[in-house]
């Protein structure tokens, strides 16, 4: 982001702060953010970047300080089960933290102690005492909503709390349909609205107050397709969760010559002399990546598909615009909000071009571990 840039958002003006320090825990933004070359410029602005990580991710590589955080297998926690919202799970550690790693709570407590604020941060509680406190609050909230929960010790021993599934036979807006006045919707009129007077007041040129088709920034029907004739679909990967597990042997199942696979229609592949298994360069004005060609009828002509989440692997580290050797498609995506109202992601609409890569293939180094120096 440009320093002090001001944007529109929900009828207000928002000015980005001048960030001096970034402390990142639980994510890999140098893979999941769009227009990666622009992001890397912004990443150079803070004076210090600290990352809590168990893995040598792209973000850890670009940090000033990396604090070795342990994995979920080495700490206790409580979580909702993904894909089954009616469960609360006791995440019990399997082993104590290995080597020099620590739970995030211990890391923050240790830093707070150095700064003289340990008691204020921990409130005198240990990790397990915090879990008990949070569970107690959840149990009290559940009682108000007729959601009975056992005491903490019973929950921790059993390993989970199961609530009745609420949406098995749920029909959307059924209560409103049966009683539109008594069960009104949370809109200004209490009804389903196709026009928003509130949004109309904002007078946004990119978000009218009613459903409207607006030409995307990049699409095959635009003039820009003459320069970059392929629409790149950025799908979710089959064998990982975003960028998670990309540093495992699962890569051997799907990668093509060590690169993220790219689906391309046989007609398009023939025009560019691309065969199944070739390495190709995918590029636009924002950047360039290497990918492995998968020639298939499963994708329509003029469209290619590369899953999101591949770890960024710069040919010349630190150089903006350098080739990503591994296939991180966010190098090619534009970082622009969906509208002044929502400012959501627009990663699904980008144009690129593709050519067979004929140079000597550079080695993939995205997963090379750091050099460990012993004192």
Protein backbone atom coordinates (compact mmCIF):
# COMPACT_ATOMS: atom_id res chain seq x y z
CA UNK A 1 0.00 0.00 0.00
CA UNK A 2 1.09 3.57 -0.62
CA UNK A 3 1.95 5.24 2.67
CA UNK A 4 -1.01 7.13 4.15
CA UNK A 5 -3.26 6.05 1.25
CA UNK A 6 -6.92 6.92 1.83
CA UNK A 7 -9.73 4.71 0.50
CA UNK A 8 -13.53 4.74 0.53
CA UNK A 9 -15.26 2.08 2.64
CA UNK A 10 -18.97 1.84 3.52
CA UNK A 11 -19.58 5.55 3.16
CA UNK A 12 -16.49 6.61 5.10
CA UNK A 13 -12.88 7.50 4.36
CA UNK A 14 -10.21 5.19 5.79
CA UNK A 15 -6.54 6.19 5.90
CA UNK A 16 -3.95 3.48 6.27
CA UNK A 17 -1.60 3.97 9.24
CA UNK A 18 2.15 4.35 8.96
CA UNK A 19 3.14 0.91 10.24
CA UNK A 20 6.50 0.72 11.99
CA UNK A 21 6.35 -2.88 13.26
CA UNK A 22 4.56 -6.02 12.10
CA UNK A 23 4.23 -9.05 14.39
CA UNK A 24 2.60 -11.87 12.45
CA UNK A 25 1.34 -15.13 13.92
CA UNK A 26 -0.71 -17.85 12.24
CA UNK A 27 -0.52 -17.05 8.55
CA UNK A 28 1.60 -16.76 5.43
CA UNK A 29 0.68 -13.39 3.83
CA UNK A 30 3.51 -13.53 1.30
CA UNK A 31 1.56 -16.30 -0.39
CA UNK A 32 -2.07 -15.36 0.09
CA UNK A 33 -1.94 -11.64 -0.78
CA UNK A 34 -2.66 -10.43 -4.31
CA UNK A 35 -0.20 -8.56 -6.55
CA UNK A 36 2.75 -10.00 -4.71
CA UNK A 37 5.31 -7.63 -6.20
CA UNK A 38 3.35 -4.65 -4.89
CA UNK A 39 3.00 -6.39 -1.53
CA UNK A 40 6.75 -7.02 -1.30
CA UNK A 41 7.40 -3.29 -1.81
CA UNK A 42 5.06 -2.53 1.09
CA UNK A 43 6.67 -5.28 3.21
CA UNK A 44 9.95 -3.36 3.06
CA UNK A 45 8.50 -0.27 4.74
CA UNK A 46 8.12 -1.39 8.41
CA UNK A 47 11.25 -1.01 10.51
CA UNK A 48 10.88 -4.47 12.06
CA UNK A 49 8.94 -7.61 11.12
CA UNK A 50 8.53 -10.46 13.63
CA UNK A 51 6.99 -13.81 12.72
CA UNK A 52 5.90 -16.70 14.96
CA UNK A 53 6.30 -19.88 12.90
CA UNK A 54 6.99 -23.61 13.16
CA UNK A 55 7.70 -23.73 9.38
CA UNK A 56 10.22 -21.91 7.15
CA UNK A 57 7.49 -20.18 5.12
CA UNK A 58 7.89 -17.32 2.65
CA UNK A 59 6.81 -14.90 5.36
CA UNK A 60 9.35 -16.30 7.83
CA UNK A 61 12.06 -15.92 5.18
CA UNK A 62 11.20 -12.24 4.83
CA UNK A 63 11.14 -11.47 8.57
CA UNK A 64 13.76 -9.74 10.68
CA UNK A 65 13.06 -11.97 13.68
CA UNK A 66 11.55 -15.48 13.60
CA UNK A 67 10.28 -16.87 16.90
CA UNK A 68 9.96 -20.68 16.81
CA UNK A 69 6.34 -21.39 17.67
CA UNK A 70 5.25 -24.95 18.31
CA UNK A 71 2.59 -26.76 16.30
CA UNK A 72 -0.97 -27.57 17.41
CA UNK A 73 0.29 -31.01 18.42
CA UNK A 74 2.49 -29.44 21.09
CA UNK A 75 0.02 -27.15 22.89
CA UNK A 76 -3.47 -27.22 24.39
CA UNK A 77 -6.39 -25.28 22.96
CA UNK A 78 -10.15 -25.26 22.41
CA UNK A 79 -11.59 -24.91 18.91
CA UNK A 80 -14.69 -25.22 16.78
CA UNK A 81 -14.49 -28.09 14.34
CA UNK A 82 -14.27 -26.91 10.73
CA UNK A 83 -17.02 -28.36 8.60
CA UNK A 84 -19.05 -29.23 11.71
CA UNK A 85 -19.99 -26.03 13.53
CA UNK A 86 -22.04 -27.96 16.08
CA UNK A 87 -18.87 -29.33 17.73
CA UNK A 88 -16.46 -27.75 20.21
CA UNK A 89 -13.22 -29.71 20.35
CA UNK A 90 -10.63 -30.12 23.11
CA UNK A 91 -7.32 -29.78 21.29
CA UNK A 92 -5.05 -31.71 23.62
CA UNK A 93 -1.32 -31.65 22.98
CA UNK A 94 0.31 -34.93 21.98
CA UNK A 95 3.86 -34.08 23.10
CA UNK A 96 5.56 -31.20 24.88
CA UNK A 97 7.05 -28.49 22.62
CA UNK A 98 10.08 -29.87 20.78
CA UNK A 99 13.52 -28.30 20.65
CA UNK A 100 13.38 -24.53 21.34
CA UNK A 101 9.78 -23.97 20.19
CA UNK A 102 7.13 -22.53 22.50
CA UNK A 103 3.34 -22.01 22.41
CA UNK A 104 2.31 -18.53 21.27
CA UNK A 105 1.02 -17.78 24.77
CA UNK A 106 4.45 -18.49 26.27
CA UNK A 107 6.17 -16.40 23.59
CA UNK A 108 3.98 -13.37 24.27
CA UNK A 109 4.28 -13.84 28.04
CA UNK A 110 8.08 -13.93 27.80
CA UNK A 111 8.21 -10.77 25.69
CA UNK A 112 5.71 -9.05 28.01
CA UNK A 113 7.96 -9.97 30.95
CA UNK A 114 10.96 -8.33 29.24
CA UNK A 115 8.83 -5.20 28.79
CA UNK A 116 7.62 -5.29 32.39
CA UNK A 117 3.99 -6.19 31.58
CA UNK A 118 3.81 -9.94 32.19
CA UNK A 119 1.15 -9.78 34.92
CA UNK A 120 -1.03 -7.45 32.87
CA UNK A 121 -0.77 -9.76 29.87
CA UNK A 122 -1.28 -13.12 31.59
CA UNK A 123 -3.50 -11.78 34.42
CA UNK A 124 -1.67 -14.31 36.55
CA UNK A 125 -3.12 -17.25 34.60
CA UNK A 126 -1.40 -20.17 32.88
CA UNK A 127 -2.35 -21.55 29.48
CA UNK A 128 -4.72 -24.14 30.97
CA UNK A 129 -6.22 -21.62 33.38
CA UNK A 130 -7.03 -19.35 30.43
CA UNK A 131 -8.71 -22.26 28.64
CA UNK A 132 -10.80 -22.95 31.73
CA UNK A 133 -11.76 -19.26 31.98
CA UNK A 134 -12.80 -19.02 28.32
CA UNK A 135 -14.70 -22.30 28.49
CA UNK A 136 -16.55 -21.11 31.60
CA UNK A 137 -17.64 -17.96 29.76
CA UNK A 138 -18.79 -20.03 26.77
CA UNK A 139 -20.69 -22.36 29.11
CA UNK A 140 -22.45 -19.38 30.72
CA UNK A 141 -23.36 -17.94 27.31
CA UNK A 142 -24.60 -21.36 26.21
CA UNK A 143 -26.90 -21.65 29.21
CA UNK A 144 -28.60 -18.38 28.22
CA UNK A 145 -29.25 -19.84 24.76
CA UNK A 146 -30.40 -23.24 26.08
CA UNK A 147 -27.16 -24.87 24.94
CA UNK A 148 -26.12 -27.13 27.79
CA UNK A 149 -22.37 -27.76 28.21
CA UNK A 150 -20.64 -30.04 30.75
CA UNK A 151 -18.06 -28.72 33.23
CA UNK A 152 -14.53 -28.25 31.89
CA UNK A 153 -13.03 -31.43 33.36
CA UNK A 154 -15.78 -33.57 31.82
CA UNK A 155 -15.36 -31.80 28.47
CA UNK A 156 -11.58 -32.15 28.52
CA UNK A 157 -11.76 -35.87 29.32
CA UNK A 158 -14.37 -36.61 26.65
CA UNK A 159 -12.66 -34.42 24.08
CA UNK A 160 -15.64 -32.61 22.59
CA UNK A 161 -19.06 -31.06 23.09
CA UNK A 162 -21.72 -31.83 20.50
CA UNK A 163 -24.68 -29.52 19.93
CA UNK A 164 -27.79 -30.43 17.92
CA UNK A 165 -27.41 -29.48 14.26
CA UNK A 166 -29.51 -26.40 13.68
CA UNK A 167 -29.69 -26.17 9.90
CA UNK A 168 -30.48 -29.73 8.83
CA UNK A 169 -33.98 -28.92 7.62
CA UNK A 170 -33.67 -25.15 7.70
CA UNK A 171 -35.36 -23.16 4.94
CA UNK A 172 -33.84 -19.73 4.41
CA UNK A 173 -36.17 -16.89 5.44
CA UNK A 174 -38.91 -19.36 6.43
CA UNK A 175 -39.65 -17.49 9.67
CA UNK A 176 -39.89 -14.20 7.77
CA UNK A 177 -42.19 -15.77 5.19
CA UNK A 178 -44.52 -17.10 7.88
CA UNK A 179 -44.53 -13.89 9.93
CA UNK A 180 -43.04 -10.94 7.97
CA UNK A 181 -43.97 -8.41 10.66
CA UNK A 182 -43.07 -10.37 13.78
CA UNK A 183 -39.93 -11.91 12.23
CA UNK A 184 -38.75 -8.99 10.09
CA UNK A 185 -35.30 -8.96 8.50
CA UNK A 186 -32.40 -6.80 9.75
CA UNK A 187 -32.83 -4.28 6.90
CA UNK A 188 -34.05 -0.67 7.23
CA UNK A 189 -37.51 -1.71 5.99
CA UNK A 190 -37.51 -5.14 7.61
CA UNK A 191 -38.14 -6.61 4.15
CA UNK A 192 -36.05 -8.04 1.32
CA UNK A 193 -34.63 -4.98 -0.41
CA UNK A 194 -33.56 -4.72 -4.07
CA UNK A 195 -32.65 -1.06 -3.67
CA UNK A 196 -30.69 0.50 -0.81
CA UNK A 197 -31.30 4.18 -0.03
CA UNK A 198 -28.29 4.05 2.31
CA UNK A 199 -25.92 2.93 -0.45
CA UNK A 200 -27.50 5.51 -2.78
CA UNK A 201 -26.33 8.25 -0.39
CA UNK A 202 -22.70 7.19 -0.90
CA UNK A 203 -22.95 7.93 -4.65
CA UNK A 204 -20.27 5.37 -5.49
CA UNK A 205 -19.52 5.03 -9.20
CA UNK A 206 -18.53 1.36 -8.77
CA UNK A 207 -21.44 0.23 -6.57
CA UNK A 208 -24.96 1.41 -7.47
CA UNK A 209 -27.75 0.97 -4.87
CA UNK A 210 -29.36 -1.85 -6.89
CA UNK A 211 -28.10 -5.03 -8.63
CA UNK A 212 -26.08 -3.98 -11.69
CA UNK A 213 -23.64 -5.66 -14.04
CA UNK A 214 -20.36 -3.74 -14.08
CA UNK A 215 -17.56 -4.68 -16.43
CA UNK A 216 -14.73 -6.39 -14.50
CA UNK A 217 -11.31 -4.79 -14.49
CA UNK A 218 -10.01 -7.70 -16.56
CA UNK A 219 -12.04 -10.22 -18.54
CA UNK A 220 -12.05 -11.90 -21.94
CA UNK A 221 -14.60 -9.43 -23.31
CA UNK A 222 -12.34 -6.42 -22.75
CA UNK A 223 -9.72 -4.77 -24.94
CA UNK A 224 -7.06 -5.96 -22.52
CA UNK A 225 -7.59 -9.52 -23.74
CA UNK A 226 -5.79 -8.58 -26.98
CA UNK A 227 -2.55 -8.28 -24.99
CA UNK A 228 -3.18 -11.04 -22.44
CA UNK A 229 -5.65 -13.50 -24.04
CA UNK A 230 -6.16 -16.02 -21.21
CA UNK A 231 -8.50 -15.72 -18.23
CA UNK A 232 -6.74 -17.25 -15.22
CA UNK A 233 -9.02 -19.05 -12.77
CA UNK A 234 -7.56 -19.15 -9.26
CA UNK A 235 -9.18 -22.19 -7.64
CA UNK A 236 -8.75 -23.81 -4.23
CA UNK A 237 -6.17 -26.65 -4.28
CA UNK A 238 -7.20 -30.28 -3.93
CA UNK A 239 -4.27 -31.53 -1.86
CA UNK A 240 -3.71 -28.66 0.60
CA UNK A 241 -5.51 -25.91 2.53
CA UNK A 242 -4.43 -22.68 0.82
CA UNK A 243 -0.64 -22.70 1.36
CA UNK A 244 -0.69 -25.23 4.21
CA UNK A 245 0.90 -28.60 3.42
CA UNK A 246 2.65 -27.23 0.32
CA UNK A 247 5.94 -27.98 2.10
CA UNK A 248 5.14 -31.70 2.40
CA UNK A 249 5.63 -34.73 0.16
CA UNK A 250 2.07 -34.34 -1.07
CA UNK A 251 3.59 -32.14 -3.78
CA UNK A 252 4.88 -35.29 -5.45
CA UNK A 253 1.28 -36.32 -6.22
CA UNK A 254 0.30 -33.33 -8.33
CA UNK A 255 3.24 -31.11 -9.28
CA UNK A 256 4.67 -31.08 -12.79
CA UNK A 257 8.48 -31.02 -12.77
CA UNK A 258 8.36 -29.41 -9.35
CA UNK A 259 5.94 -26.65 -10.43
CA UNK A 260 2.32 -25.87 -9.61
CA UNK A 261 0.10 -27.45 -12.33
CA UNK A 262 -1.69 -25.31 -14.91
CA UNK A 263 -4.70 -26.67 -16.76
CA UNK A 264 -4.88 -25.66 -20.42
CA UNK A 265 -7.24 -26.69 -23.22
CA UNK A 266 -5.71 -28.84 -26.03
CA UNK A 267 -6.59 -26.21 -28.68
CA UNK A 268 -4.72 -23.50 -26.81
CA UNK A 269 -1.81 -25.83 -26.04
CA UNK A 270 -1.45 -26.74 -29.73
CA UNK A 271 -1.38 -23.06 -30.78
CA UNK A 272 1.56 -22.46 -28.43
CA UNK A 273 3.35 -25.79 -29.03
CA UNK A 274 2.80 -26.79 -25.42
CA UNK A 275 2.68 -30.51 -24.57
CA UNK A 276 1.40 -32.16 -21.43
CA UNK A 277 4.19 -32.02 -18.85
CA UNK A 278 5.95 -28.97 -20.29
CA UNK A 279 6.96 -26.11 -18.03
CA UNK A 280 5.43 -22.81 -19.10
CA UNK A 281 5.82 -19.15 -18.23
CA UNK A 282 2.59 -17.41 -17.24
CA UNK A 283 2.82 -13.63 -17.18
CA UNK A 284 1.14 -10.24 -17.31
CA UNK A 285 2.15 -6.66 -16.47
CA UNK A 286 2.22 -7.47 -12.74
CA UNK A 287 4.60 -10.42 -12.77
CA UNK A 288 5.64 -13.82 -14.07
CA UNK A 289 5.63 -17.40 -12.81
CA UNK A 290 6.55 -20.89 -13.97
CA UNK A 291 3.93 -23.65 -13.97
CA UNK A 292 3.59 -27.22 -15.23
CA UNK A 293 1.22 -27.78 -18.15
CA UNK A 294 -1.66 -30.22 -17.78
CA UNK A 295 -3.38 -30.43 -21.16
CA UNK A 296 -7.02 -31.34 -20.59
CA UNK A 297 -10.51 -30.96 -22.01
CA UNK A 298 -11.57 -30.17 -18.46
CA UNK A 299 -10.91 -26.48 -19.07
CA UNK A 300 -12.55 -24.38 -21.79
CA UNK A 301 -10.50 -22.61 -24.49
CA UNK A 302 -9.03 -19.20 -23.62
CA UNK A 303 -9.08 -20.12 -19.91
CA UNK A 304 -6.32 -21.61 -17.75
CA UNK A 305 -6.47 -22.76 -14.13
CA UNK A 306 -3.79 -22.57 -11.43
CA UNK A 307 -4.66 -23.27 -7.80
CA UNK A 308 -3.88 -20.64 -5.19
CA UNK A 309 -1.47 -21.25 -2.33
CA UNK A 310 1.76 -22.36 -4.00
CA UNK A 311 4.76 -21.03 -2.06
CA UNK A 312 6.48 -18.07 -3.70
CA UNK A 313 9.99 -18.86 -4.99
CA UNK A 314 11.80 -15.84 -6.47
CA UNK A 315 14.55 -16.47 -9.00
CA UNK A 316 16.33 -13.34 -7.73
CA UNK A 317 15.32 -12.86 -4.07
CA UNK A 318 14.65 -9.24 -3.20
CA UNK A 319 14.16 -8.15 -6.81
CA UNK A 320 10.68 -6.85 -7.59
CA UNK A 321 9.26 -8.46 -10.75
CA UNK A 322 11.57 -11.46 -10.75
CA UNK A 323 10.32 -14.83 -11.97
CA UNK A 324 8.55 -17.06 -9.42
CA UNK A 325 10.07 -20.47 -10.13
CA UNK A 326 7.39 -22.47 -8.36
CA UNK A 327 4.03 -21.03 -9.48
CA UNK A 328 2.46 -18.63 -6.94
CA UNK A 329 -0.45 -17.23 -8.96
CA UNK A 330 -0.91 -14.25 -6.62
CA UNK A 331 2.10 -12.77 -8.40
CA UNK A 332 -0.32 -12.22 -11.30
CA UNK A 333 -3.43 -11.07 -9.40
CA UNK A 334 -4.40 -7.42 -9.05
CA UNK A 335 -4.70 -5.96 -5.56
CA UNK A 336 -7.86 -3.89 -5.91
CA UNK A 337 -11.07 -3.88 -3.90
CA UNK A 338 -14.31 -5.19 -5.36
CA UNK A 339 -15.93 -1.77 -4.81
CA UNK A 340 -15.73 1.30 -2.60
CA UNK A 341 -18.52 -0.26 -0.54
CA UNK A 342 -17.10 -3.69 0.22
CA UNK A 343 -13.38 -3.54 -0.68
CA UNK A 344 -13.43 -7.34 -1.08
CA UNK A 345 -11.00 -9.48 -3.04
CA UNK A 346 -11.16 -9.52 -6.85
CA UNK A 347 -8.60 -12.26 -7.35
CA UNK A 348 -10.87 -14.28 -9.65
CA UNK A 349 -10.65 -11.84 -12.56
CA UNK A 350 -7.21 -11.60 -14.15
CA UNK A 351 -5.82 -11.85 -17.65
CA UNK A 352 -2.48 -13.46 -18.52
CA UNK A 353 -0.52 -14.90 -21.41
CA UNK A 354 1.26 -18.27 -21.60
CA UNK A 355 4.36 -19.47 -23.43
CA UNK A 356 6.48 -22.60 -23.36
CA UNK A 357 9.55 -22.12 -21.17
CA UNK A 358 12.64 -23.03 -23.21
CA UNK A 359 15.44 -21.93 -20.92
CA UNK A 360 17.25 -24.19 -18.45
CA UNK A 361 14.84 -24.93 -15.60
CA UNK A 362 15.89 -23.17 -12.40
CA UNK A 363 15.77 -25.33 -9.27
CA UNK A 364 12.86 -24.88 -6.85
CA UNK A 365 14.22 -23.52 -3.57
CA UNK A 366 10.98 -22.50 -1.82
CA UNK A 367 11.28 -25.39 0.62
CA UNK A 368 15.01 -25.27 1.32
CA UNK A 369 15.48 -25.03 5.12
CA UNK A 370 17.49 -22.20 6.66
CA UNK A 371 21.15 -22.48 7.51
CA UNK A 372 21.47 -23.23 11.24
CA UNK A 373 24.44 -21.46 12.81
CA UNK A 374 25.70 -22.83 16.13
CA UNK A 375 27.53 -20.59 18.52
